[in-house]
Amino acid sequence: MSPKLTSAAFAAGGVLFFLYPAIRPSGDDATAMASTAWVAGHAAAMLGFILFGLAVLGLHQVLGDRLSLRAAVVTWVGAGLTLPYYGAEDFGLNVIAVRSLRDQAPALMELAEEFRYGPVAVTMFATGLLLLAAGSVMAAIAVWRSGTLHRWSATVTALGFVLFIPQFFGPYPLRVAHGALIMIGGLWMAAALLQKAGRPAGQIAETAQPLAKRMIGNRVKN
């Protein structure tokens, strides 16, 4: 991947990780899970994981060192372990919730809890997110050491992935703020990569900053 494509992957992935909590309903009941917003929000997260994996691979091609290659491998494995859980959350729980509401059978929602806390499913999910956190930290260290990109440019994204598991236990506004944090990190990385590609980083910053402020402001108002 060229620096420009890698930049696009970081930027798009960051925006998708913000859209995930912004679109997703705040509740975890049958009505929320049966909604189109539930499907759309989780689909945004899944696309975000895919793009983040591609972005870290592209970052390795920019930096060309061993640490960034290891970061790409760890990130891909982490995304691979995380995506099945998200797929079941998105499509499986949606089907269960729709059936529960249609048949007026609240007991069906017990299946959602059985899936969510099944030992194999939750272990794969947690392991995947921990590996994604490790991969993002390794990528941030590789950027810091390289001197090719701005030293701090990958730290915000790394912080976002380190906080991915803890944010699940916070209030819903905190989850939206977490999505905004990853979006800011993705846009910062995109700007750094475009600067390396020969385009002034200020151009993307001038475009991205007002967009980020509007998206966050609109979500807070709602």
N, C-alpha and C. Protein backbone atom coordinates (compact mmCIF):
# COMPACT_ATOMS: atom_id res chain seq x y z
N MET A 1 0.84 -1.20 0.00
CA MET A 1 0.00 0.00 0.00
C MET A 1 0.88 1.25 0.00
N SER A 2 0.49 2.24 -0.77
CA SER A 2 1.21 3.50 -0.80
C SER A 2 0.88 4.30 0.46
N PRO A 3 1.70 5.32 0.77
CA PRO A 3 1.37 6.17 1.92
C PRO A 3 -0.02 6.80 1.82
N LYS A 4 -0.45 7.15 0.61
CA LYS A 4 -1.77 7.76 0.45
C LYS A 4 -2.89 6.77 0.76
N LEU A 5 -2.74 5.52 0.31
CA LEU A 5 -3.75 4.51 0.61
C LEU A 5 -3.75 4.17 2.10
N THR A 6 -2.56 4.11 2.69
CA THR A 6 -2.46 3.84 4.12
C THR A 6 -3.10 4.97 4.90
N SER A 7 -2.87 6.20 4.45
CA SER A 7 -3.50 7.36 5.07
C SER A 7 -5.03 7.26 5.01
N ALA A 8 -5.53 6.88 3.84
CA ALA A 8 -6.99 6.74 3.68
C ALA A 8 -7.54 5.66 4.60
N ALA A 9 -6.80 4.56 4.77
CA ALA A 9 -7.25 3.48 5.65
C ALA A 9 -7.31 3.94 7.10
N PHE A 10 -6.30 4.68 7.55
CA PHE A 10 -6.31 5.20 8.92
C PHE A 10 -7.47 6.17 9.12
N ALA A 11 -7.66 7.08 8.17
CA ALA A 11 -8.71 8.09 8.30
C ALA A 11 -10.10 7.45 8.28
N ALA A 12 -10.35 6.58 7.30
CA ALA A 12 -11.66 5.95 7.19
C ALA A 12 -11.93 5.03 8.39
N GLY A 13 -10.90 4.27 8.80
CA GLY A 13 -11.06 3.41 9.95
C GLY A 13 -11.38 4.20 11.20
N GLY A 14 -10.69 5.32 11.40
CA GLY A 14 -10.96 6.16 12.56
C GLY A 14 -12.39 6.68 12.58
N VAL A 15 -12.87 7.15 11.44
CA VAL A 15 -14.24 7.65 11.36
C VAL A 15 -15.24 6.54 11.64
N LEU A 16 -14.98 5.34 11.13
CA LEU A 16 -15.89 4.21 11.36
C LEU A 16 -15.94 3.82 12.83
N PHE A 17 -14.82 3.91 13.53
CA PHE A 17 -14.83 3.58 14.96
C PHE A 17 -15.60 4.64 15.76
N PHE A 18 -15.67 5.86 15.25
CA PHE A 18 -16.54 6.85 15.90
C PHE A 18 -18.01 6.59 15.57
N LEU A 19 -18.28 6.23 14.33
CA LEU A 19 -19.67 5.96 13.93
C LEU A 19 -20.26 4.77 14.68
N TYR A 20 -19.40 3.83 15.06
CA TYR A 20 -19.86 2.63 15.78
C TYR A 20 -20.67 3.00 17.01
N PRO A 21 -20.13 3.73 18.00
CA PRO A 21 -20.97 4.07 19.16
C PRO A 21 -21.96 5.19 18.86
N ALA A 22 -21.64 6.02 17.86
CA ALA A 22 -22.54 7.13 17.55
C ALA A 22 -23.85 6.64 16.93
N ILE A 23 -23.77 5.58 16.12
CA ILE A 23 -24.97 5.04 15.47
C ILE A 23 -25.66 4.00 16.35
N ARG A 24 -24.86 3.17 16.99
CA ARG A 24 -25.39 2.06 17.80
C ARG A 24 -26.31 2.59 18.89
N PRO A 25 -27.49 1.95 19.09
CA PRO A 25 -28.37 2.38 20.20
C PRO A 25 -27.65 2.23 21.53
N SER A 26 -28.00 3.10 22.48
CA SER A 26 -27.33 3.08 23.77
C SER A 26 -27.77 1.90 24.64
N GLY A 27 -28.94 1.35 24.38
CA GLY A 27 -29.43 0.23 25.19
C GLY A 27 -28.96 -1.11 24.68
N ASP A 28 -29.18 -2.14 25.52
CA ASP A 28 -28.84 -3.51 25.14
C ASP A 28 -30.07 -4.41 25.26
N ASP A 29 -31.25 -3.84 25.07
CA ASP A 29 -32.48 -4.62 25.15
C ASP A 29 -32.89 -5.10 23.77
N ALA A 30 -34.02 -5.79 23.70
CA ALA A 30 -34.47 -6.36 22.43
C ALA A 30 -34.76 -5.28 21.40
N THR A 31 -35.33 -4.16 21.85
CA THR A 31 -35.67 -3.09 20.91
C THR A 31 -34.41 -2.53 20.25
N ALA A 32 -33.35 -2.35 21.05
CA ALA A 32 -32.09 -1.83 20.50
C ALA A 32 -31.47 -2.83 19.53
N MET A 33 -31.41 -4.09 19.94
CA MET A 33 -30.76 -5.10 19.11
C MET A 33 -31.53 -5.40 17.83
N ALA A 34 -32.83 -5.17 17.83
CA ALA A 34 -33.64 -5.44 16.64
C ALA A 34 -33.60 -4.29 15.64
N SER A 35 -32.97 -3.19 15.99
CA SER A 35 -33.00 -2.01 15.15
C SER A 35 -31.97 -2.07 14.02
N THR A 36 -32.24 -1.30 12.98
CA THR A 36 -31.28 -1.16 11.88
C THR A 36 -30.01 -0.48 12.37
N ALA A 37 -30.16 0.44 13.32
CA ALA A 37 -29.00 1.15 13.85
C ALA A 37 -28.02 0.20 14.53
N TRP A 38 -28.55 -0.84 15.18
CA TRP A 38 -27.68 -1.84 15.81
C TRP A 38 -26.80 -2.51 14.76
N VAL A 39 -27.42 -2.93 13.66
CA VAL A 39 -26.69 -3.60 12.59
C VAL A 39 -25.68 -2.64 11.96
N ALA A 40 -26.11 -1.43 11.68
CA ALA A 40 -25.23 -0.46 11.03
C ALA A 40 -24.04 -0.09 11.92
N GLY A 41 -24.28 0.12 13.20
CA GLY A 41 -23.21 0.49 14.11
C GLY A 41 -22.15 -0.59 14.23
N HIS A 42 -22.58 -1.83 14.42
CA HIS A 42 -21.61 -2.93 14.54
C HIS A 42 -20.90 -3.21 13.21
N ALA A 43 -21.62 -3.02 12.10
CA ALA A 43 -20.97 -3.18 10.80
C ALA A 43 -19.86 -2.15 10.61
N ALA A 44 -20.10 -0.92 11.10
CA ALA A 44 -19.06 0.11 11.03
C ALA A 44 -17.83 -0.32 11.81
N ALA A 45 -18.04 -0.91 12.99
CA ALA A 45 -16.90 -1.38 13.79
C ALA A 45 -16.13 -2.47 13.06
N MET A 46 -16.85 -3.41 12.45
CA MET A 46 -16.17 -4.50 11.75
C MET A 46 -15.33 -3.98 10.59
N LEU A 47 -15.89 -3.04 9.83
CA LEU A 47 -15.11 -2.44 8.75
C LEU A 47 -13.92 -1.66 9.30
N GLY A 48 -14.11 -1.06 10.47
CA GLY A 48 -13.01 -0.34 11.10
C GLY A 48 -11.85 -1.26 11.46
N PHE A 49 -12.15 -2.43 11.99
CA PHE A 49 -11.10 -3.39 12.32
C PHE A 49 -10.34 -3.83 11.07
N ILE A 50 -11.08 -4.08 10.00
CA ILE A 50 -10.44 -4.50 8.75
C ILE A 50 -9.51 -3.40 8.23
N LEU A 51 -10.02 -2.17 8.22
CA LEU A 51 -9.22 -1.06 7.71
C LEU A 51 -8.01 -0.79 8.60
N PHE A 52 -8.17 -0.97 9.91
CA PHE A 52 -7.03 -0.76 10.81
C PHE A 52 -5.94 -1.79 10.53
N GLY A 53 -6.34 -3.04 10.28
CA GLY A 53 -5.35 -4.06 9.93
C GLY A 53 -4.61 -3.70 8.65
N LEU A 54 -5.35 -3.24 7.65
CA LEU A 54 -4.71 -2.82 6.40
C LEU A 54 -3.81 -1.61 6.61
N ALA A 55 -4.25 -0.69 7.47
CA ALA A 55 -3.47 0.52 7.72
C ALA A 55 -2.13 0.19 8.38
N VAL A 56 -2.15 -0.74 9.35
CA VAL A 56 -0.89 -1.10 10.02
C VAL A 56 0.03 -1.85 9.06
N LEU A 57 -0.54 -2.65 8.17
CA LEU A 57 0.28 -3.29 7.14
C LEU A 57 0.91 -2.24 6.23
N GLY A 58 0.12 -1.24 5.82
CA GLY A 58 0.66 -0.15 5.01
C GLY A 58 1.71 0.64 5.75
N LEU A 59 1.53 0.79 7.06
CA LEU A 59 2.52 1.50 7.87
C LEU A 59 3.86 0.77 7.84
N HIS A 60 3.80 -0.56 7.89
CA HIS A 60 5.04 -1.33 7.79
C HIS A 60 5.74 -1.08 6.46
N GLN A 61 4.96 -0.99 5.39
CA GLN A 61 5.56 -0.75 4.08
C GLN A 61 6.18 0.65 4.01
N VAL A 62 5.67 1.57 4.80
CA VAL A 62 6.26 2.92 4.86
C VAL A 62 7.54 2.90 5.70
N LEU A 63 7.49 2.23 6.85
CA LEU A 63 8.63 2.25 7.77
C LEU A 63 9.69 1.20 7.41
N GLY A 64 9.22 0.00 7.03
CA GLY A 64 10.14 -1.04 6.58
C GLY A 64 10.98 -1.70 7.66
N ASP A 65 10.58 -1.60 8.94
CA ASP A 65 11.37 -2.21 10.00
C ASP A 65 10.68 -3.45 10.55
N ARG A 66 11.39 -4.21 11.36
CA ARG A 66 10.86 -5.47 11.89
C ARG A 66 9.72 -5.23 12.87
N LEU A 67 9.85 -4.21 13.69
CA LEU A 67 8.81 -3.98 14.70
C LEU A 67 7.47 -3.66 14.07
N SER A 68 7.47 -2.85 13.02
CA SER A 68 6.20 -2.54 12.36
C SER A 68 5.62 -3.78 11.66
N LEU A 69 6.49 -4.68 11.19
CA LEU A 69 6.00 -5.93 10.61
C LEU A 69 5.34 -6.79 11.69
N ARG A 70 5.98 -6.87 12.85
CA ARG A 70 5.38 -7.63 13.95
C ARG A 70 4.06 -7.00 14.39
N ALA A 71 4.03 -5.67 14.38
CA ALA A 71 2.79 -4.98 14.73
C ALA A 71 1.67 -5.36 13.77
N ALA A 72 2.00 -5.44 12.47
CA ALA A 72 1.00 -5.81 11.47
C ALA A 72 0.49 -7.23 11.70
N VAL A 73 1.40 -8.15 11.99
CA VAL A 73 1.01 -9.54 12.22
C VAL A 73 0.11 -9.66 13.44
N VAL A 74 0.53 -9.02 14.54
CA VAL A 74 -0.26 -9.08 15.78
C VAL A 74 -1.63 -8.44 15.56
N THR A 75 -1.68 -7.34 14.83
CA THR A 75 -2.94 -6.66 14.56
C THR A 75 -3.87 -7.53 13.74
N TRP A 76 -3.34 -8.19 12.73
CA TRP A 76 -4.17 -9.06 11.89
C TRP A 76 -4.73 -10.23 12.70
N VAL A 77 -3.90 -10.83 13.54
CA VAL A 77 -4.39 -11.94 14.37
C VAL A 77 -5.47 -11.44 15.33
N GLY A 78 -5.22 -10.26 15.92
CA GLY A 78 -6.20 -9.69 16.83
C GLY A 78 -7.53 -9.41 16.15
N ALA A 79 -7.48 -8.83 14.97
CA ALA A 79 -8.71 -8.56 14.23
C ALA A 79 -9.43 -9.85 13.87
N GLY A 80 -8.65 -10.89 13.49
CA GLY A 80 -9.26 -12.17 13.15
C GLY A 80 -9.99 -12.81 14.31
N LEU A 81 -9.46 -12.64 15.51
CA LEU A 81 -10.12 -13.21 16.70
C LEU A 81 -11.31 -12.36 17.16
N THR A 82 -11.28 -11.09 16.86
CA THR A 82 -12.33 -10.18 17.32
C THR A 82 -13.56 -10.20 16.42
N LEU A 83 -13.34 -10.31 15.12
CA LEU A 83 -14.44 -10.17 14.16
C LEU A 83 -15.56 -11.20 14.31
N PRO A 84 -15.28 -12.50 14.62
CA PRO A 84 -16.39 -13.43 14.77
C PRO A 84 -17.38 -13.01 15.86
N TYR A 85 -16.87 -12.50 16.96
CA TYR A 85 -17.74 -12.05 18.06
C TYR A 85 -18.61 -10.88 17.60
N TYR A 86 -17.98 -9.93 16.89
CA TYR A 86 -18.74 -8.78 16.40
C TYR A 86 -19.79 -9.20 15.38
N GLY A 87 -19.45 -10.19 14.55
CA GLY A 87 -20.41 -10.67 13.58
C GLY A 87 -21.63 -11.28 14.24
N ALA A 88 -21.39 -12.07 15.29
CA ALA A 88 -22.51 -12.67 16.02
C ALA A 88 -23.32 -11.61 16.74
N GLU A 89 -22.63 -10.63 17.34
CA GLU A 89 -23.33 -9.51 18.00
C GLU A 89 -24.22 -8.78 17.01
N ASP A 90 -23.69 -8.57 15.84
CA ASP A 90 -24.40 -7.77 14.84
C ASP A 90 -25.59 -8.53 14.27
N PHE A 91 -25.32 -9.68 13.68
CA PHE A 91 -26.36 -10.39 12.93
C PHE A 91 -27.12 -11.40 13.80
N GLY A 92 -26.39 -12.15 14.64
CA GLY A 92 -27.06 -13.17 15.46
C GLY A 92 -28.01 -12.56 16.47
N LEU A 93 -27.53 -11.58 17.24
CA LEU A 93 -28.38 -10.98 18.26
C LEU A 93 -29.53 -10.20 17.63
N ASN A 94 -29.30 -9.64 16.46
CA ASN A 94 -30.37 -8.94 15.76
C ASN A 94 -31.51 -9.89 15.41
N VAL A 95 -31.16 -11.07 14.91
CA VAL A 95 -32.19 -12.06 14.56
C VAL A 95 -32.95 -12.51 15.81
N ILE A 96 -32.21 -12.77 16.90
CA ILE A 96 -32.86 -13.19 18.14
C ILE A 96 -33.81 -12.11 18.65
N ALA A 97 -33.36 -10.86 18.62
CA ALA A 97 -34.18 -9.77 19.14
C ALA A 97 -35.43 -9.56 18.28
N VAL A 98 -35.28 -9.62 16.97
CA VAL A 98 -36.44 -9.46 16.08
C VAL A 98 -37.47 -10.55 16.36
N ARG A 99 -37.00 -11.78 16.51
CA ARG A 99 -37.91 -12.90 16.79
C ARG A 99 -38.56 -12.74 18.17
N SER A 100 -37.79 -12.26 19.15
CA SER A 100 -38.34 -12.07 20.48
C SER A 100 -39.47 -11.04 20.48
N LEU A 101 -39.28 -9.95 19.76
CA LEU A 101 -40.32 -8.93 19.69
C LEU A 101 -41.52 -9.40 18.87
N ARG A 102 -41.24 -10.08 17.79
CA ARG A 102 -42.33 -10.53 16.91
C ARG A 102 -43.23 -11.54 17.61
N ASP A 103 -42.61 -12.47 18.34
CA ASP A 103 -43.38 -13.53 19.01
C ASP A 103 -43.75 -13.17 20.44
N GLN A 104 -43.36 -11.95 20.86
CA GLN A 104 -43.61 -11.52 22.24
C GLN A 104 -43.09 -12.58 23.22
N ALA A 105 -41.83 -12.94 23.01
CA ALA A 105 -41.19 -13.98 23.83
C ALA A 105 -39.90 -13.42 24.43
N PRO A 106 -39.99 -12.67 25.53
CA PRO A 106 -38.80 -12.07 26.14
C PRO A 106 -37.75 -13.10 26.54
N ALA A 107 -38.18 -14.32 26.81
CA ALA A 107 -37.24 -15.36 27.25
C ALA A 107 -36.17 -15.65 26.19
N LEU A 108 -36.49 -15.39 24.93
CA LEU A 108 -35.51 -15.63 23.87
C LEU A 108 -34.25 -14.79 24.06
N MET A 109 -34.39 -13.64 24.71
CA MET A 109 -33.24 -12.77 24.89
C MET A 109 -32.20 -13.38 25.83
N GLU A 110 -32.58 -14.45 26.54
CA GLU A 110 -31.59 -15.16 27.35
C GLU A 110 -30.50 -15.76 26.46
N LEU A 111 -30.86 -16.06 25.22
CA LEU A 111 -29.86 -16.60 24.29
C LEU A 111 -28.76 -15.58 24.01
N ALA A 112 -29.14 -14.31 23.98
CA ALA A 112 -28.14 -13.27 23.75
C ALA A 112 -27.11 -13.26 24.87
N GLU A 113 -27.57 -13.36 26.11
CA GLU A 113 -26.64 -13.37 27.23
C GLU A 113 -25.79 -14.63 27.25
N GLU A 114 -26.38 -15.76 26.87
CA GLU A 114 -25.61 -17.01 26.82
C GLU A 114 -24.49 -16.92 25.80
N PHE A 115 -24.78 -16.28 24.66
CA PHE A 115 -23.71 -16.11 23.67
C PHE A 115 -22.65 -15.17 24.18
N ARG A 116 -23.07 -14.01 24.67
CA ARG A 116 -22.13 -12.96 25.05
C ARG A 116 -21.12 -13.43 26.09
N TYR A 117 -21.58 -14.25 27.00
CA TYR A 117 -20.70 -14.66 28.10
C TYR A 117 -20.29 -16.13 28.00
N GLY A 118 -20.47 -16.71 26.83
CA GLY A 118 -19.95 -18.05 26.61
C GLY A 118 -18.43 -18.04 26.73
N PRO A 119 -17.84 -19.00 27.41
CA PRO A 119 -16.39 -18.95 27.69
C PRO A 119 -15.51 -18.87 26.44
N VAL A 120 -15.84 -19.65 25.41
CA VAL A 120 -15.01 -19.63 24.20
C VAL A 120 -15.15 -18.29 23.47
N ALA A 121 -16.39 -17.85 23.31
CA ALA A 121 -16.64 -16.60 22.57
C ALA A 121 -15.99 -15.41 23.26
N VAL A 122 -16.20 -15.28 24.57
CA VAL A 122 -15.68 -14.10 25.27
C VAL A 122 -14.15 -14.16 25.38
N THR A 123 -13.59 -15.37 25.46
CA THR A 123 -12.13 -15.50 25.52
C THR A 123 -11.50 -15.09 24.20
N MET A 124 -12.08 -15.55 23.08
CA MET A 124 -11.58 -15.13 21.77
C MET A 124 -11.69 -13.62 21.60
N PHE A 125 -12.81 -13.07 22.01
CA PHE A 125 -13.05 -11.64 21.87
C PHE A 125 -12.03 -10.84 22.67
N ALA A 126 -11.87 -11.19 23.93
CA ALA A 126 -10.93 -10.45 24.78
C ALA A 126 -9.49 -10.60 24.29
N THR A 127 -9.14 -11.82 23.87
CA THR A 127 -7.79 -12.05 23.36
C THR A 127 -7.54 -11.21 22.11
N GLY A 128 -8.53 -11.16 21.22
CA GLY A 128 -8.40 -10.37 20.00
C GLY A 128 -8.19 -8.90 20.29
N LEU A 129 -8.97 -8.36 21.23
CA LEU A 129 -8.83 -6.94 21.56
C LEU A 129 -7.51 -6.65 22.25
N LEU A 130 -7.03 -7.58 23.07
CA LEU A 130 -5.72 -7.39 23.71
C LEU A 130 -4.60 -7.40 22.67
N LEU A 131 -4.73 -8.28 21.68
CA LEU A 131 -3.72 -8.32 20.61
C LEU A 131 -3.77 -7.05 19.76
N LEU A 132 -4.97 -6.54 19.51
CA LEU A 132 -5.10 -5.28 18.78
C LEU A 132 -4.44 -4.14 19.55
N ALA A 133 -4.63 -4.14 20.87
CA ALA A 133 -3.97 -3.13 21.70
C ALA A 133 -2.45 -3.26 21.61
N ALA A 134 -1.98 -4.52 21.70
CA ALA A 134 -0.53 -4.75 21.62
C ALA A 134 0.01 -4.32 20.26
N GLY A 135 -0.70 -4.66 19.19
CA GLY A 135 -0.26 -4.28 17.85
C GLY A 135 -0.20 -2.78 17.66
N SER A 136 -1.19 -2.08 18.21
CA SER A 136 -1.21 -0.62 18.06
C SER A 136 -0.08 0.04 18.86
N VAL A 137 0.24 -0.53 20.02
CA VAL A 137 1.35 0.00 20.82
C VAL A 137 2.68 -0.26 20.10
N MET A 138 2.82 -1.46 19.54
CA MET A 138 4.04 -1.77 18.78
C MET A 138 4.19 -0.83 17.59
N ALA A 139 3.08 -0.55 16.91
CA ALA A 139 3.12 0.38 15.77
C ALA A 139 3.52 1.78 16.23
N ALA A 140 3.00 2.21 17.38
CA ALA A 140 3.34 3.54 17.89
C ALA A 140 4.83 3.63 18.24
N ILE A 141 5.37 2.55 18.81
CA ILE A 141 6.80 2.52 19.13
C ILE A 141 7.63 2.56 17.85
N ALA A 142 7.19 1.81 16.85
CA ALA A 142 7.90 1.80 15.57
C ALA A 142 7.92 3.19 14.94
N VAL A 143 6.78 3.89 15.00
CA VAL A 143 6.72 5.25 14.47
C VAL A 143 7.65 6.16 15.26
N TRP A 144 7.64 6.04 16.57
CA TRP A 144 8.48 6.88 17.43
C TRP A 144 9.96 6.70 17.10
N ARG A 145 10.35 5.44 16.90
CA ARG A 145 11.77 5.15 16.66
C ARG A 145 12.20 5.54 15.25
N SER A 146 11.30 5.51 14.31
CA SER A 146 11.69 5.65 12.91
C SER A 146 12.19 7.04 12.55
N GLY A 147 11.57 8.05 13.12
CA GLY A 147 11.91 9.41 12.72
C GLY A 147 11.35 9.78 11.36
N THR A 148 10.62 8.85 10.73
CA THR A 148 10.04 9.09 9.41
C THR A 148 8.76 9.92 9.51
N LEU A 149 7.93 9.61 10.50
CA LEU A 149 6.69 10.32 10.73
C LEU A 149 6.79 11.09 12.05
N HIS A 150 5.83 11.96 12.29
CA HIS A 150 5.79 12.68 13.57
C HIS A 150 5.78 11.66 14.71
N ARG A 151 6.65 11.86 15.70
CA ARG A 151 6.85 10.85 16.75
C ARG A 151 5.56 10.49 17.50
N TRP A 152 4.72 11.48 17.74
CA TRP A 152 3.52 11.25 18.54
C TRP A 152 2.31 10.83 17.71
N SER A 153 2.46 10.74 16.40
CA SER A 153 1.29 10.59 15.53
C SER A 153 0.52 9.30 15.74
N ALA A 154 1.17 8.24 16.22
CA ALA A 154 0.48 6.96 16.40
C ALA A 154 0.05 6.71 17.85
N THR A 155 0.37 7.64 18.75
CA THR A 155 0.10 7.38 20.17
C THR A 155 -1.38 7.45 20.52
N VAL A 156 -2.12 8.34 19.88
CA VAL A 156 -3.55 8.47 20.20
C VAL A 156 -4.30 7.22 19.77
N THR A 157 -3.99 6.70 18.58
CA THR A 157 -4.61 5.46 18.13
C THR A 157 -4.27 4.32 19.08
N ALA A 158 -3.01 4.23 19.51
CA ALA A 158 -2.61 3.19 20.45
C ALA A 158 -3.39 3.30 21.75
N LEU A 159 -3.54 4.52 22.26
CA LEU A 159 -4.29 4.73 23.50
C LEU A 159 -5.74 4.28 23.32
N GLY A 160 -6.33 4.58 22.16
CA GLY A 160 -7.70 4.17 21.91
C GLY A 160 -7.88 2.66 21.96
N PHE A 161 -6.94 1.92 21.38
CA PHE A 161 -7.07 0.47 21.39
C PHE A 161 -6.72 -0.13 22.75
N VAL A 162 -5.83 0.50 23.49
CA VAL A 162 -5.55 0.05 24.85
C VAL A 162 -6.80 0.19 25.73
N LEU A 163 -7.59 1.21 25.47
CA LEU A 163 -8.80 1.47 26.26
C LEU A 163 -10.04 0.78 25.70
N PHE A 164 -9.89 -0.06 24.68
CA PHE A 164 -11.06 -0.64 24.02
C PHE A 164 -11.86 -1.51 24.99
N ILE A 165 -11.20 -2.36 25.75
CA ILE A 165 -11.94 -3.21 26.70
C ILE A 165 -12.49 -2.39 27.87
N PRO A 166 -11.69 -1.52 28.52
CA PRO A 166 -12.24 -0.75 29.64
C PRO A 166 -13.46 0.09 29.29
N GLN A 167 -13.52 0.63 28.06
CA GLN A 167 -14.63 1.53 27.72
C GLN A 167 -15.97 0.80 27.69
N PHE A 168 -15.96 -0.53 27.53
CA PHE A 168 -17.22 -1.27 27.55
C PHE A 168 -17.92 -1.17 28.91
N PHE A 169 -17.17 -0.89 29.96
CA PHE A 169 -17.73 -0.86 31.30
C PHE A 169 -18.09 0.56 31.76
N GLY A 170 -17.94 1.53 30.87
CA GLY A 170 -18.27 2.91 31.21
C GLY A 170 -19.64 3.30 30.71
N PRO A 171 -20.12 4.49 31.09
CA PRO A 171 -21.41 4.98 30.59
C PRO A 171 -21.35 5.24 29.09
N TYR A 172 -22.52 5.33 28.49
CA TYR A 172 -22.57 5.43 27.03
C TYR A 172 -21.86 6.67 26.48
N PRO A 173 -21.97 7.84 27.12
CA PRO A 173 -21.20 9.00 26.59
C PRO A 173 -19.70 8.74 26.56
N LEU A 174 -19.19 7.94 27.50
CA LEU A 174 -17.77 7.61 27.50
C LEU A 174 -17.42 6.76 26.28
N ARG A 175 -18.34 5.89 25.88
CA ARG A 175 -18.10 5.06 24.71
C ARG A 175 -18.06 5.91 23.44
N VAL A 176 -18.90 6.93 23.39
CA VAL A 176 -18.87 7.85 22.24
C VAL A 176 -17.54 8.62 22.24
N ALA A 177 -17.11 9.05 23.43
CA ALA A 177 -15.84 9.77 23.53
C ALA A 177 -14.68 8.87 23.12
N HIS A 178 -14.77 7.59 23.46
CA HIS A 178 -13.72 6.64 23.05
C HIS A 178 -13.66 6.52 21.53
N GLY A 179 -14.82 6.45 20.89
CA GLY A 179 -14.85 6.41 19.43
C GLY A 179 -14.25 7.66 18.83
N ALA A 180 -14.52 8.81 19.46
CA ALA A 180 -13.93 10.06 18.98
C ALA A 180 -12.42 10.06 19.14
N LEU A 181 -11.93 9.44 20.23
CA LEU A 181 -10.48 9.36 20.46
C LEU A 181 -9.80 8.58 19.34
N ILE A 182 -10.37 7.43 18.96
CA ILE A 182 -9.78 6.64 17.88
C ILE A 182 -9.87 7.39 16.55
N MET A 183 -10.96 8.10 16.33
CA MET A 183 -11.09 8.87 15.10
C MET A 183 -10.01 9.94 15.02
N ILE A 184 -9.78 10.65 16.13
CA ILE A 184 -8.73 11.68 16.14
C ILE A 184 -7.38 11.05 15.85
N GLY A 185 -7.12 9.88 16.47
CA GLY A 185 -5.85 9.19 16.22
C GLY A 185 -5.70 8.78 14.77
N GLY A 186 -6.78 8.28 14.18
CA GLY A 186 -6.72 7.88 12.78
C GLY A 186 -6.48 9.05 11.86
N LEU A 187 -7.14 10.18 12.13
CA LEU A 187 -6.95 11.37 11.30
C LEU A 187 -5.54 11.94 11.46
N TRP A 188 -4.99 11.85 12.67
CA TRP A 188 -3.62 12.33 12.89
C TRP A 188 -2.62 11.48 12.11
N MET A 189 -2.80 10.17 12.16
CA MET A 189 -1.93 9.30 11.38
C MET A 189 -2.07 9.57 9.89
N ALA A 190 -3.30 9.80 9.46
CA ALA A 190 -3.54 10.09 8.04
C ALA A 190 -2.79 11.36 7.63
N ALA A 191 -2.85 12.38 8.49
CA ALA A 191 -2.16 13.63 8.19
C ALA A 191 -0.65 13.43 8.12
N ALA A 192 -0.11 12.65 9.06
CA ALA A 192 1.33 12.40 9.08
C ALA A 192 1.79 11.66 7.82
N LEU A 193 0.99 10.70 7.39
CA LEU A 193 1.35 9.93 6.20
C LEU A 193 1.23 10.77 4.94
N LEU A 194 0.23 11.62 4.86
CA LEU A 194 0.09 12.49 3.70
C LEU A 194 1.23 13.50 3.63
N GLN A 195 1.68 13.95 4.78
CA GLN A 195 2.82 14.85 4.81
C GLN A 195 4.05 14.16 4.24
N LYS A 196 4.22 12.88 4.59
CA LYS A 196 5.34 12.12 4.05
C LYS A 196 5.19 11.94 2.54
N ALA A 197 3.94 11.80 2.09
CA ALA A 197 3.68 11.58 0.67
C ALA A 197 3.84 12.85 -0.16
N GLY A 198 4.07 13.97 0.54
CA GLY A 198 4.32 15.21 -0.20
C GLY A 198 3.19 16.19 -0.18
N ARG A 199 2.10 15.86 0.51
CA ARG A 199 0.98 16.78 0.61
C ARG A 199 1.02 17.42 1.99
N PRO A 200 0.87 18.74 2.07
CA PRO A 200 0.90 19.40 3.37
C PRO A 200 -0.14 18.83 4.31
N ALA A 201 0.30 18.46 5.51
CA ALA A 201 -0.62 17.87 6.48
C ALA A 201 -1.71 18.85 6.87
N GLY A 202 -1.43 20.16 6.76
CA GLY A 202 -2.43 21.15 7.13
C GLY A 202 -3.69 21.04 6.30
N GLN A 203 -3.57 20.56 5.07
CA GLN A 203 -4.74 20.45 4.21
C GLN A 203 -5.74 19.46 4.79
N ILE A 204 -5.24 18.29 5.22
CA ILE A 204 -6.18 17.32 5.80
C ILE A 204 -6.63 17.76 7.18
N ALA A 205 -5.74 18.43 7.93
CA ALA A 205 -6.11 18.87 9.27
C ALA A 205 -7.23 19.90 9.20
N GLU A 206 -7.12 20.84 8.23
CA GLU A 206 -8.13 21.86 8.09
C GLU A 206 -9.48 21.26 7.74
N THR A 207 -9.47 20.16 6.99
CA THR A 207 -10.72 19.50 6.62
C THR A 207 -11.23 18.61 7.73
N ALA A 208 -10.32 17.88 8.38
CA ALA A 208 -10.72 16.87 9.36
C ALA A 208 -11.17 17.47 10.67
N GLN A 209 -10.52 18.54 11.14
CA GLN A 209 -10.85 19.07 12.45
C GLN A 209 -12.28 19.59 12.53
N PRO A 210 -12.75 20.42 11.57
CA PRO A 210 -14.15 20.85 11.64
C PRO A 210 -15.12 19.68 11.53
N LEU A 211 -14.78 18.68 10.70
CA LEU A 211 -15.65 17.51 10.55
C LEU A 211 -15.76 16.77 11.87
N ALA A 212 -14.63 16.55 12.53
CA ALA A 212 -14.64 15.84 13.81
C ALA A 212 -15.45 16.61 14.85
N LYS A 213 -15.28 17.95 14.90
CA LYS A 213 -16.00 18.75 15.87
C LYS A 213 -17.50 18.69 15.62
N ARG A 214 -17.89 18.75 14.35
CA ARG A 214 -19.33 18.70 14.03
C ARG A 214 -19.92 17.36 14.41
N MET A 215 -19.21 16.25 14.10
CA MET A 215 -19.73 14.91 14.39
C MET A 215 -19.86 14.70 15.90
N ILE A 216 -18.83 15.12 16.65
CA ILE A 216 -18.88 14.95 18.10
C ILE A 216 -19.95 15.84 18.71
N GLY A 217 -20.02 17.10 18.23
CA GLY A 217 -21.01 18.03 18.75
C GLY A 217 -22.42 17.57 18.50
N ASN A 218 -22.70 17.07 17.31
CA ASN A 218 -24.04 16.58 16.98
C ASN A 218 -24.43 15.41 17.84
N ARG A 219 -23.46 14.51 18.09
CA ARG A 219 -23.78 13.34 18.90
C ARG A 219 -24.05 13.73 20.35
N VAL A 220 -23.29 14.69 20.88
CA VAL A 220 -23.49 15.13 22.26
C VAL A 220 -24.87 15.79 22.41
N LYS A 221 -25.26 16.59 21.39
CA LYS A 221 -26.57 17.25 21.44
C LYS A 221 -27.70 16.23 21.44
N ASN A 222 -27.52 15.15 20.68
CA ASN A 222 -28.57 14.13 20.60
C ASN A 222 -28.65 13.33 21.88
